[in-house]
Amino acid sequence: MASGLSVRYGRNKLLEKVGGREVILHTVMSAGKAGLSPVTVTRNEKVRSLLQKNGYKCILHNRPLKSDTMHIGIESFEGDPEGYLFMQGDQPLILPETLIKLVTSFLEEPDKIIRLGYNGVKGSPVIFPASMKEVLLSYEGDRGGMEAVKHVNALCRTQEAAYEWEMWDVDTPESMAKVRAVCAANYERRA
């Protein structure tokens, strides 16, 4: 999900560099390393160009709501997926191993919503069962998928992240500074 306007950040945070790579590339590359085939949905032509240049599928749109981004993502799938994983494009510190654990948890209980959490705090990404497709598609609003299913008596399980910072997203210059510090201390040694 890369359709935000970066209002609090002041410029397009997805194109800001962390450890020499754009925020959005960190996010989609982690998904790719986890064996996933990410489809990014954005309203920004530069984001789309960057992702396509790097071999990632990206859909450009001009609709205003978070639910629009969700709908476009769901409708982009061919065939019958088992579920839908939604992840924020500005979540550059998530590890591929954590995404693998998240997907494994979902595959063990494919009728449940599985979301990432850390020490009791729930966050993103979230995987919704394919059985919730119509509920997700019927939601019209500017909040995330959990808002769409809160009226459904669906069970939700949390998969614990290895590190708190995997759930961080970049909303402000201050949060970007924290992300860059963690990246410099942890990720650059792993490369």
Protein backbone atom coordinates (compact mmCIF):
# COMPACT_ATOMS: atom_id res chain seq x y z
CA MET A 1 0.00 0.00 0.00
CA ALA A 2 1.80 3.08 -1.30
CA SER A 3 -0.97 5.58 -1.99
CA GLY A 4 -0.46 8.01 0.87
CA LEU A 5 0.39 11.65 0.30
CA SER A 6 3.21 11.94 2.90
CA VAL A 7 1.52 15.00 4.40
CA ARG A 8 3.16 14.69 7.83
CA TYR A 9 6.54 13.92 6.26
CA GLY A 10 6.50 16.94 3.96
CA ARG A 11 7.69 15.18 0.76
CA ASN A 12 7.39 11.70 -0.70
CA LYS A 13 8.80 9.49 2.06
CA LEU A 14 8.70 6.39 -0.15
CA LEU A 15 11.43 7.85 -2.35
CA GLU A 16 13.65 8.90 0.56
CA LYS A 17 16.78 6.79 0.91
CA VAL A 18 17.62 4.59 3.86
CA GLY A 19 20.95 2.81 3.68
CA GLY A 20 21.36 3.86 0.04
CA ARG A 21 17.99 2.50 -1.11
CA GLU A 22 14.52 4.04 -1.35
CA VAL A 23 12.09 3.20 1.46
CA ILE A 24 9.63 1.54 -0.93
CA LEU A 25 12.39 -0.66 -2.39
CA HIS A 26 13.36 -1.90 1.08
CA THR A 27 9.74 -2.92 1.66
CA VAL A 28 9.12 -4.71 -1.63
CA MET A 29 12.55 -6.34 -1.63
CA SER A 30 11.86 -7.86 1.80
CA ALA A 31 8.59 -9.24 0.43
CA GLY A 32 10.40 -10.65 -2.60
CA LYS A 33 13.11 -12.25 -0.44
CA ALA A 34 10.30 -13.88 1.57
CA GLY A 35 9.08 -15.58 -1.59
CA LEU A 36 6.15 -13.23 -2.14
CA SER A 37 5.27 -11.45 -5.38
CA PRO A 38 4.39 -7.95 -4.21
CA VAL A 39 1.94 -5.79 -6.12
CA THR A 40 2.29 -2.17 -5.11
CA VAL A 41 -0.66 0.19 -5.48
CA THR A 42 0.29 3.88 -5.65
CA ARG A 43 -0.87 7.31 -6.76
CA ASN A 44 2.69 8.45 -7.49
CA GLU A 45 4.23 8.09 -10.95
CA LYS A 46 7.81 8.25 -9.59
CA VAL A 47 7.10 5.35 -7.22
CA ARG A 48 5.62 3.34 -10.08
CA SER A 49 8.60 4.08 -12.35
CA LEU A 50 11.12 3.14 -9.67
CA LEU A 51 9.41 -0.16 -8.91
CA GLN A 52 8.91 -1.11 -12.55
CA LYS A 53 12.55 -0.26 -13.30
CA ASN A 54 13.51 -2.71 -10.54
CA GLY A 55 11.20 -5.45 -11.84
CA TYR A 56 8.28 -5.08 -9.42
CA LYS A 57 4.62 -4.91 -10.38
CA CYS A 58 3.02 -1.58 -9.56
CA ILE A 59 -0.44 -0.21 -10.29
CA LEU A 60 -0.93 3.54 -10.65
CA HIS A 61 -4.33 4.99 -9.71
CA ASN A 62 -5.90 8.31 -8.77
CA ARG A 63 -8.59 7.31 -6.28
CA PRO A 64 -8.54 9.05 -2.85
CA LEU A 65 -9.34 6.44 -0.16
CA LYS A 66 -7.43 3.65 1.59
CA SER A 67 -10.28 1.35 0.66
CA ASP A 68 -9.59 2.21 -3.00
CA THR A 69 -6.01 1.03 -2.62
CA MET A 70 -7.25 -2.18 -0.98
CA HIS A 71 -9.83 -2.79 -3.70
CA ILE A 72 -7.31 -2.25 -6.51
CA GLY A 73 -4.86 -4.63 -4.84
CA ILE A 74 -7.46 -7.35 -4.35
CA GLU A 75 -8.80 -6.98 -7.89
CA SER A 76 -5.29 -7.25 -9.36
CA PHE A 77 -5.01 -10.93 -8.42
CA GLU A 78 -5.75 -13.60 -10.98
CA GLY A 79 -7.00 -16.99 -9.91
CA ASP A 80 -8.00 -17.85 -6.38
CA PRO A 81 -5.46 -16.69 -3.78
CA GLU A 82 -5.67 -18.15 -0.27
CA GLY A 83 -5.47 -14.71 1.26
CA TYR A 84 -4.49 -11.08 0.88
CA LEU A 85 -1.45 -9.62 2.63
CA PHE A 86 -1.55 -5.85 3.08
CA MET A 87 1.64 -4.05 4.03
CA GLN A 88 2.45 -0.37 4.17
CA GLY A 89 4.99 0.78 1.62
CA ASP A 90 6.78 2.85 4.27
CA GLN A 91 7.70 -0.12 6.46
CA PRO A 92 11.32 -0.56 5.33
CA LEU A 93 12.72 -2.45 8.33
CA ILE A 94 10.55 -5.56 8.10
CA LEU A 95 12.65 -8.67 7.73
CA PRO A 96 11.98 -11.37 5.12
CA GLU A 97 12.12 -13.99 7.90
CA THR A 98 9.31 -12.23 9.72
CA LEU A 99 7.17 -12.15 6.59
CA ILE A 100 7.81 -15.88 6.15
CA LYS A 101 6.65 -16.51 9.74
CA LEU A 102 3.56 -14.37 9.12
CA VAL A 103 2.64 -16.31 5.97
CA THR A 104 3.38 -19.65 7.67
CA SER A 105 1.04 -18.71 10.54
CA PHE A 106 -1.64 -17.85 8.04
CA LEU A 107 -1.20 -21.12 6.12
CA GLU A 108 -1.57 -23.03 9.41
CA GLU A 109 -4.87 -21.23 10.13
CA PRO A 110 -6.15 -19.96 6.76
CA ASP A 111 -9.55 -19.00 8.17
CA LYS A 112 -8.07 -16.41 10.53
CA ILE A 113 -6.75 -12.88 10.12
CA ILE A 114 -3.07 -12.89 10.93
CA ARG A 115 -1.31 -9.65 11.77
CA LEU A 116 2.15 -8.69 12.90
CA GLY A 117 2.60 -7.59 16.48
CA TYR A 118 5.25 -6.95 19.08
CA ASN A 119 4.81 -7.12 22.87
CA GLY A 120 1.04 -6.81 22.67
CA VAL A 121 1.01 -4.00 20.10
CA LYS A 122 -0.71 -5.02 16.87
CA GLY A 123 0.36 -3.57 13.56
CA SER A 124 1.05 -4.21 9.92
CA PRO A 125 1.28 -6.27 7.77
CA VAL A 126 -2.03 -8.10 7.98
CA ILE A 127 -3.20 -11.16 6.06
CA PHE A 128 -6.92 -11.61 5.42
CA PRO A 129 -8.41 -14.95 4.34
CA ALA A 130 -9.74 -15.05 0.79
CA SER A 131 -13.16 -15.82 2.31
CA MET A 132 -13.25 -12.13 3.40
CA LYS A 133 -12.79 -10.83 -0.15
CA GLU A 134 -16.36 -9.59 -0.57
CA VAL A 135 -16.36 -7.90 2.85
CA LEU A 136 -13.10 -6.13 2.02
CA LEU A 137 -14.39 -5.11 -1.41
CA SER A 138 -17.64 -3.78 0.05
CA TYR A 139 -15.82 -1.49 2.49
CA GLU A 140 -15.77 2.17 1.44
CA GLY A 141 -13.67 4.28 3.75
CA ASP A 142 -10.33 5.83 4.53
CA ARG A 143 -9.20 3.37 7.18
CA GLY A 144 -7.44 0.05 6.78
CA GLY A 145 -8.75 -3.46 6.29
CA MET A 146 -9.32 -4.13 10.00
CA GLU A 147 -12.01 -1.45 9.91
CA ALA A 148 -13.69 -3.34 7.09
CA VAL A 149 -13.99 -6.56 9.06
CA LYS A 150 -14.60 -5.28 12.58
CA HIS A 151 -18.32 -6.03 12.27
CA VAL A 152 -17.51 -9.61 11.23
CA ASN A 153 -16.97 -12.04 14.08
CA ALA A 154 -13.61 -13.07 12.62
CA LEU A 155 -10.81 -14.47 14.71
CA CYS A 156 -7.60 -12.52 14.58
CA ARG A 157 -4.24 -13.91 15.61
CA THR A 158 -0.97 -12.07 16.08
CA GLN A 159 2.40 -13.25 14.84
CA GLU A 160 5.17 -11.79 16.96
CA ALA A 161 7.84 -9.78 15.13
CA ALA A 162 11.46 -10.47 16.01
CA TYR A 163 12.09 -6.75 16.67
CA GLU A 164 9.84 -3.82 17.51
CA TRP A 165 11.32 -1.71 14.72
CA GLU A 166 10.08 -4.10 12.04
CA MET A 167 6.61 -2.61 12.57
CA TRP A 168 7.77 0.99 12.31
CA ASP A 169 6.57 3.05 9.40
CA VAL A 170 7.90 6.41 8.30
CA ASP A 171 5.45 9.23 8.99
CA THR A 172 7.65 12.14 10.06
CA PRO A 173 11.29 13.23 9.64
CA GLU A 174 11.80 12.15 13.28
CA SER A 175 10.58 8.61 12.54
CA MET A 176 12.82 8.55 9.45
CA ALA A 177 15.82 9.40 11.63
CA LYS A 178 14.97 6.45 13.90
CA VAL A 179 14.58 4.11 10.91
CA ARG A 180 17.92 5.25 9.45
CA ALA A 181 19.67 4.68 12.78
CA VAL A 182 18.30 1.13 13.09
CA CYS A 183 19.16 0.41 9.47
CA ALA A 184 22.73 1.61 9.95
CA ALA A 185 23.16 -0.42 13.14
CA ASN A 186 21.51 -3.66 12.00
CA TYR A 187 20.74 -4.02 8.31
CA GLU A 188 23.89 -2.79 6.66
CA ARG A 189 25.85 -5.47 8.52
CA ARG A 190 23.45 -8.12 7.14
CA ALA A 191 23.80 -7.12 3.48
